[in-house]
C-alpha atoms as a PDB file:
ATOM      1  CA  MET A   1      79.737  61.807 154.442  1.00  0.00           C
ATOM      2  CA  ASN A   2      82.530  64.162 155.545  1.00  0.00           C
ATOM      3  CA  ASP A   3      82.194  66.059 158.797  1.00  0.00           C
ATOM      4  CA  THR A   4      82.501  69.804 158.141  1.00  0.00           C
ATOM      5  CA  ARG A   5      81.242  71.082 161.495  1.00  0.00           C
ATOM      6  CA  PRO A   6      83.315  73.837 163.147  1.00  0.00           C
ATOM      7  CA  THR A   7      85.960  72.403 165.453  1.00  0.00           C
ATOM      8  CA  PRO A   8      88.568  74.196 167.552  1.00  0.00           C
ATOM      9  CA  ARG A   9      91.146  73.407 164.822  1.00  0.00           C
ATOM     10  CA  ARG A  10      88.910  74.828 162.072  1.00  0.00           C
ATOM     11  CA  ARG A  11      88.213  77.927 164.168  1.00  0.00           C
ATOM     12  CA  LEU A  12      91.988  78.398 164.633  1.00  0.00           C
ATOM     13  CA  THR A  13      92.567  77.966 160.890  1.00  0.00           C
ATOM     14  CA  SER A  14      89.788  80.484 160.227  1.00  0.00           C
ATOM     15  CA  ALA A  15      91.424  82.949 162.583  1.00  0.00           C
ATOM     16  CA  LEU A  16      94.837  82.468 160.937  1.00  0.00           C
ATOM     17  CA  ALA A  17      93.397  83.008 157.462  1.00  0.00           C
ATOM     18  CA  ALA A  18      91.496  86.108 158.560  1.00  0.00           C
ATOM     19  CA  ALA A  19      94.581  87.468 160.333  1.00  0.00           C
ATOM     20  CA  THR A  20      96.507  87.459 157.064  1.00  0.00           C
ATOM     21  CA  LEU A  21      93.945  89.806 155.568  1.00  0.00           C
ATOM     22  CA  VAL A  22      93.829  91.971 158.686  1.00  0.00           C
ATOM     23  CA  ALA A  23      97.611  92.386 158.444  1.00  0.00           C
ATOM     24  CA  GLY A  24      97.068  93.865 154.989  1.00  0.00           C
ATOM     25  CA  GLY A  25      95.261  96.830 156.533  1.00  0.00           C
ATOM     26  CA  THR A  26      91.694  95.560 156.558  1.00  0.00           C
ATOM     27  CA  LEU A  27      89.264  94.834 159.335  1.00  0.00           C
ATOM     28  CA  ALA A  28      87.349  91.555 159.135  1.00  0.00           C
ATOM     29  CA  GLY A  29      83.692  91.762 160.054  1.00  0.00           C
ATOM     30  CA  ALA A  30      82.642  89.050 162.480  1.00  0.00           C
ATOM     31  CA  ALA A  31      79.247  88.472 160.875  1.00  0.00           C
ATOM     32  CA  GLY A  32      78.323  87.989 157.271  1.00  0.00           C
ATOM     33  CA  GLY A  33      81.852  87.418 155.998  1.00  0.00           C
ATOM     34  CA  VAL A  34      82.411  91.065 155.051  1.00  0.00           C
ATOM     35  CA  ILE A  35      85.673  92.980 155.111  1.00  0.00           C
ATOM     36  CA  THR A  36      85.748  96.738 155.355  1.00  0.00           C
ATOM     37  CA  ALA A  37      88.792  98.875 154.757  1.00  0.00           C
ATOM     38  CA  PRO A  38      89.125 102.042 156.835  1.00  0.00           C
ATOM     39  CA  THR A  39      88.615 104.306 153.793  1.00  0.00           C
ATOM     40  CA  ALA A  40      86.662 101.991 151.476  1.00  0.00           C
ATOM     41  CA  SER A  41      83.203 100.521 151.253  1.00  0.00           C
ATOM     42  CA  ALA A  42      82.399  96.900 152.177  1.00  0.00           C
ATOM     43  CA  GLN A  43      84.060  94.239 150.038  1.00  0.00           C
ATOM     44  CA  ALA A  44      83.036  90.629 149.522  1.00  0.00           C
ATOM     45  CA  PHE A  45      84.998  87.982 151.393  1.00  0.00           C
ATOM     46  CA  GLN A  46      84.546  84.201 151.486  1.00  0.00           C
ATOM     47  CA  TYR A  47      86.248  81.675 153.758  1.00  0.00           C
ATOM     48  CA  ALA A  48      85.687  77.923 153.414  1.00  0.00           C
ATOM     49  CA  ASP A  49      87.166  74.670 154.712  1.00  0.00           C
ATOM     50  CA  ALA A  50      87.548  71.658 152.451  1.00  0.00           C
ATOM     51  CA  PRO A  51      86.380  68.338 153.915  1.00  0.00           C
ATOM     52  CA  MET A  52      88.923  66.734 156.250  1.00  0.00           C
ATOM     53  CA  LEU A  53      91.545  64.683 154.398  1.00  0.00           C
ATOM     54  CA  TRP A  54      92.425  61.513 156.345  1.00  0.00           C
ATOM     55  CA  THR A  55      95.964  60.275 155.709  1.00  0.00           C
ATOM     56  CA  VAL A  56      98.905  58.210 156.849  1.00  0.00           C
ATOM     57  CA  ALA A  57     101.810  60.474 157.893  1.00  0.00           C
ATOM     58  CA  HIS A  58     105.591  60.153 158.003  1.00  0.00           C
ATOM     59  CA  GLY A  59     106.805  58.269 161.072  1.00  0.00           C
ATOM     60  CA  PRO A  60     106.790  54.618 162.125  1.00  0.00           C
ATOM     61  CA  ALA A  61     103.209  54.926 163.406  1.00  0.00           C
ATOM     62  CA  CYS A  62     101.644  58.226 162.340  1.00  0.00           C
ATOM     63  CA  ALA A  63      98.227  59.100 160.936  1.00  0.00           C
ATOM     64  CA  GLY A  64      95.705  61.905 161.124  1.00  0.00           C
ATOM     65  CA  TRP A  65      94.055  64.540 158.990  1.00  0.00           C
ATOM     66  CA  VAL A  66      94.877  67.587 156.918  1.00  0.00           C
ATOM     67  CA  THR A  67      92.710  70.706 156.847  1.00  0.00           C
ATOM     68  CA  ALA A  68      92.751  72.859 153.711  1.00  0.00           C
ATOM     69  CA  SER A  69      91.107  76.280 153.915  1.00  0.00           C
ATOM     70  CA  THR A  70      90.492  78.851 151.198  1.00  0.00           C
ATOM     71  CA  VAL A  71      89.948  82.596 151.239  1.00  0.00           C
ATOM     72  CA  VAL A  72      88.791  84.655 148.256  1.00  0.00           C
ATOM     73  CA  ALA A  73      88.065  88.372 148.384  1.00  0.00           C
ATOM     74  CA  GLU A  74      87.364  91.285 146.090  1.00  0.00           C
ATOM     75  CA  LYS A  75      90.541  92.790 147.515  1.00  0.00           C
ATOM     76  CA  MET A  76      92.458  89.853 145.931  1.00  0.00           C
ATOM     77  CA  PRO A  77      90.995  89.652 142.395  1.00  0.00           C
ATOM     78  CA  GLY A  78      91.936  86.475 140.543  1.00  0.00           C
ATOM     79  CA  GLU A  79      93.627  84.959 143.609  1.00  0.00           C
ATOM     80  CA  THR A  80      92.717  82.113 145.905  1.00  0.00           C
ATOM     81  CA  ARG A  81      94.476  82.038 149.287  1.00  0.00           C
ATOM     82  CA  LEU A  82      95.107  78.471 150.466  1.00  0.00           C
ATOM     83  CA  VAL A  83      96.224  77.411 153.957  1.00  0.00           C
ATOM     84  CA  VAL A  84      96.912  73.768 154.905  1.00  0.00           C
ATOM     85  CA  THR A  85      97.523  72.385 158.395  1.00  0.00           C
ATOM     86  CA  GLY A  86      98.207  68.885 159.681  1.00  0.00           C
ATOM     87  CA  ASN A  87      96.822  67.199 162.779  1.00  0.00           C
ATOM     88  CA  PHE A  88      98.588  63.902 163.380  1.00  0.00           C
ATOM     89  CA  PHE A  89      98.985  61.408 166.190  1.00  0.00           C
ATOM     90  CA  GLY A  90     101.536  58.633 166.643  1.00  0.00           C
ATOM     91  CA  LEU A  91     105.290  58.241 166.909  1.00  0.00           C
ATOM     92  CA  SER A  92     107.555  60.401 164.779  1.00  0.00           C
ATOM     93  CA  TRP A  93     110.917  59.249 163.415  1.00  0.00           C
ATOM     94  CA  ASN A  94     112.734  61.919 165.386  1.00  0.00           C
ATOM     95  CA  PRO A  95     111.004  62.929 168.647  1.00  0.00           C
ATOM     96  CA  PRO A  96     110.237  65.658 169.630  1.00  0.00           C
ATOM     97  CA  GLN A  97     109.591  66.422 165.932  1.00  0.00           C
ATOM     98  CA  GLN A  98     105.930  65.922 165.111  1.00  0.00           C
ATOM     99  CA  CYS A  99     104.516  63.608 162.464  1.00  0.00           C
ATOM    100  CA  TRP A 100     104.216  65.249 159.038  1.00  0.00           C
ATOM    101  CA  SER A 101     102.923  64.841 155.515  1.00  0.00           C
ATOM    102  CA  THR A 102     103.493  66.495 152.149  1.00  0.00           C
ATOM    103  CA  VAL A 103     100.194  68.001 151.026  1.00  0.00           C
ATOM    104  CA  LYS A 104      99.687  68.097 147.244  1.00  0.00           C
ATOM    105  CA  VAL A 105      97.093  70.363 145.639  1.00  0.00           C
ATOM    106  CA  HIS A 106      96.085  70.279 141.968  1.00  0.00           C
ATOM    107  CA  TRP A 107      93.782  73.146 141.001  1.00  0.00           C
ATOM    108  CA  HIS A 108      91.753  73.917 137.900  1.00  0.00           C
ATOM    109  CA  ASN A 109      89.742  77.037 137.083  1.00  0.00           C
ATOM    110  CA  VAL A 110      86.874  75.562 135.068  1.00  0.00           C
ATOM    111  CA  ASP A 111      85.832  78.987 133.717  1.00  0.00           C
ATOM    112  CA  ASN A 112      89.169  80.074 132.207  1.00  0.00           C
ATOM    113  CA  ASP A 113      90.951  76.667 132.043  1.00  0.00           C
ATOM    114  CA  ARG A 114      93.946  77.795 134.142  1.00  0.00           C
ATOM    115  CA  ARG A 115      95.588  74.928 136.013  1.00  0.00           C
ATOM    116  CA  GLY A 116      98.306  74.556 138.580  1.00  0.00           C
ATOM    117  CA  TYR A 117      99.981  72.489 141.245  1.00  0.00           C
ATOM    118  CA  TRP A 118     101.306  73.362 144.691  1.00  0.00           C
ATOM    119  CA  GLU A 119     102.670  71.332 147.576  1.00  0.00           C
ATOM    120  CA  ALA A 120     103.790  72.020 151.125  1.00  0.00           C
ATOM    121  CA  ARG A 121     104.841  70.129 154.219  1.00  0.00           C
ATOM    122  CA  ALA A 122     102.327  70.146 157.069  1.00  0.00           C
ATOM    123  CA  ALA A 123     103.247  68.962 160.559  1.00  0.00           C
ATOM    124  CA  GLY A 124     101.406  68.992 163.839  1.00  0.00           C
ATOM    125  CA  ALA A 125     100.001  66.971 166.692  1.00  0.00           C
ATOM    126  CA  VAL A 126      96.367  66.571 167.664  1.00  0.00           C
ATOM    127  CA  GLY A 127      95.462  69.121 170.329  1.00  0.00           C
ATOM    128  CA  VAL A 128      98.590  71.235 169.750  1.00  0.00           C
ATOM    129  CA  ALA A 129      99.152  74.188 167.435  1.00  0.00           C
ATOM    130  CA  PRO A 130     100.630  72.987 164.118  1.00  0.00           C
ATOM    131  CA  THR A 131     104.409  73.318 163.797  1.00  0.00           C
ATOM    132  CA  GLU A 132     104.428  73.644 159.996  1.00  0.00           C
ATOM    133  CA  VAL A 133     101.653  75.403 158.088  1.00  0.00           C
ATOM    134  CA  GLY A 134     101.556  75.669 154.293  1.00  0.00           C
ATOM    135  CA  SER A 135     100.223  78.912 152.862  1.00  0.00           C
ATOM    136  CA  VAL A 136     100.080  80.300 149.311  1.00  0.00           C
ATOM    137  CA  HIS A 137      98.263  82.760 147.042  1.00  0.00           C
ATOM    138  CA  LEU A 138      97.259  80.811 143.912  1.00  0.00           C
ATOM    139  CA  ASP A 139      96.971  82.892 140.725  1.00  0.00           C
ATOM    140  CA  THR A 140      93.775  81.162 139.567  1.00  0.00           C
ATOM    141  CA  GLY A 141      92.119  84.075 137.809  1.00  0.00           C
ATOM    142  CA  PRO A 142      88.435  84.836 138.385  1.00  0.00           C
ATOM    143  CA  GLY A 143      85.917  81.988 138.214  1.00  0.00           C
ATOM    144  CA  ARG A 144      85.093  78.581 139.685  1.00  0.00           C
ATOM    145  CA  VAL A 145      88.206  76.861 141.009  1.00  0.00           C
ATOM    146  CA  VAL A 146      88.257  73.132 141.834  1.00  0.00           C
ATOM    147  CA  LEU A 147      91.027  72.030 144.201  1.00  0.00           C
ATOM    148  CA  SER A 148      91.965  68.346 144.503  1.00  0.00           C
ATOM    149  CA  VAL A 149      93.844  67.798 147.760  1.00  0.00           C
ATOM    150  CA  GLY A 150      95.952  64.738 148.585  1.00  0.00           C
ATOM    151  CA  THR A 151      99.222  63.727 150.254  1.00  0.00           C
ATOM    152  CA  ASP A 152     102.349  61.773 149.365  1.00  0.00           C
ATOM    153  CA  LEU A 153     101.197  58.751 151.410  1.00  0.00           C
ATOM    154  CA  PRO A 154      97.981  56.658 151.393  1.00  0.00           C
ATOM    155  CA  HIS A 155      95.003  58.966 151.976  1.00  0.00           C
ATOM    156  CA  LEU A 156      91.336  59.625 151.260  1.00  0.00           C
ATOM    157  CA  PRO A 157      91.464  62.472 148.702  1.00  0.00           C
ATOM    158  CA  VAL A 158      89.110  65.437 148.856  1.00  0.00           C
ATOM    159  CA  THR A 159      87.822  67.933 146.319  1.00  0.00           C
ATOM    160  CA  HIS A 160      86.904  71.515 147.175  1.00  0.00           C
ATOM    161  CA  GLU A 161      85.325  74.205 144.983  1.00  0.00           C
ATOM    162  CA  VAL A 162      85.514  77.968 145.455  1.00  0.00           C
ATOM    163  CA  THR A 163      84.666  80.961 143.247  1.00  0.00           C
ATOM    164  CA  ALA A 164      87.451  83.519 142.927  1.00  0.00           C
ATOM    165  CA  TYR A 165      86.551  87.165 142.295  1.00  0.00           C
END
């Protein structure tokens, strides 16, 4: 069973995802996952972490995990915001560069049959802020979206489902 308890890394990822919406002129409510705009009524907002993806990373002795987080909101109809971060330990090929992995995401909206693929490089060290964060707005359309997350090296794949507005 995958551990999905809040960790300092997940709290940081949550804060980064929420900050992107705040920068758009909204204020995130701390309780209940609600966003309110200064001149608008409350809008629905959902944040979720996929299970941790354990993987080998690039470097002579690197491994760790990738965290994929999603945000959907009424303010972003038909879009799913995806943020991926890497937390690796070991020896990189080029110190002080951190270990890294290419994160690959295949998504499928099961309600409208839209599909897509996205990848990004994620780098970071355990206990340190990530040095490379992947972030994208996926044009999934409204409905149930299944994301299959993996990497370019041996890993334990994860699946994550979210409902876009």
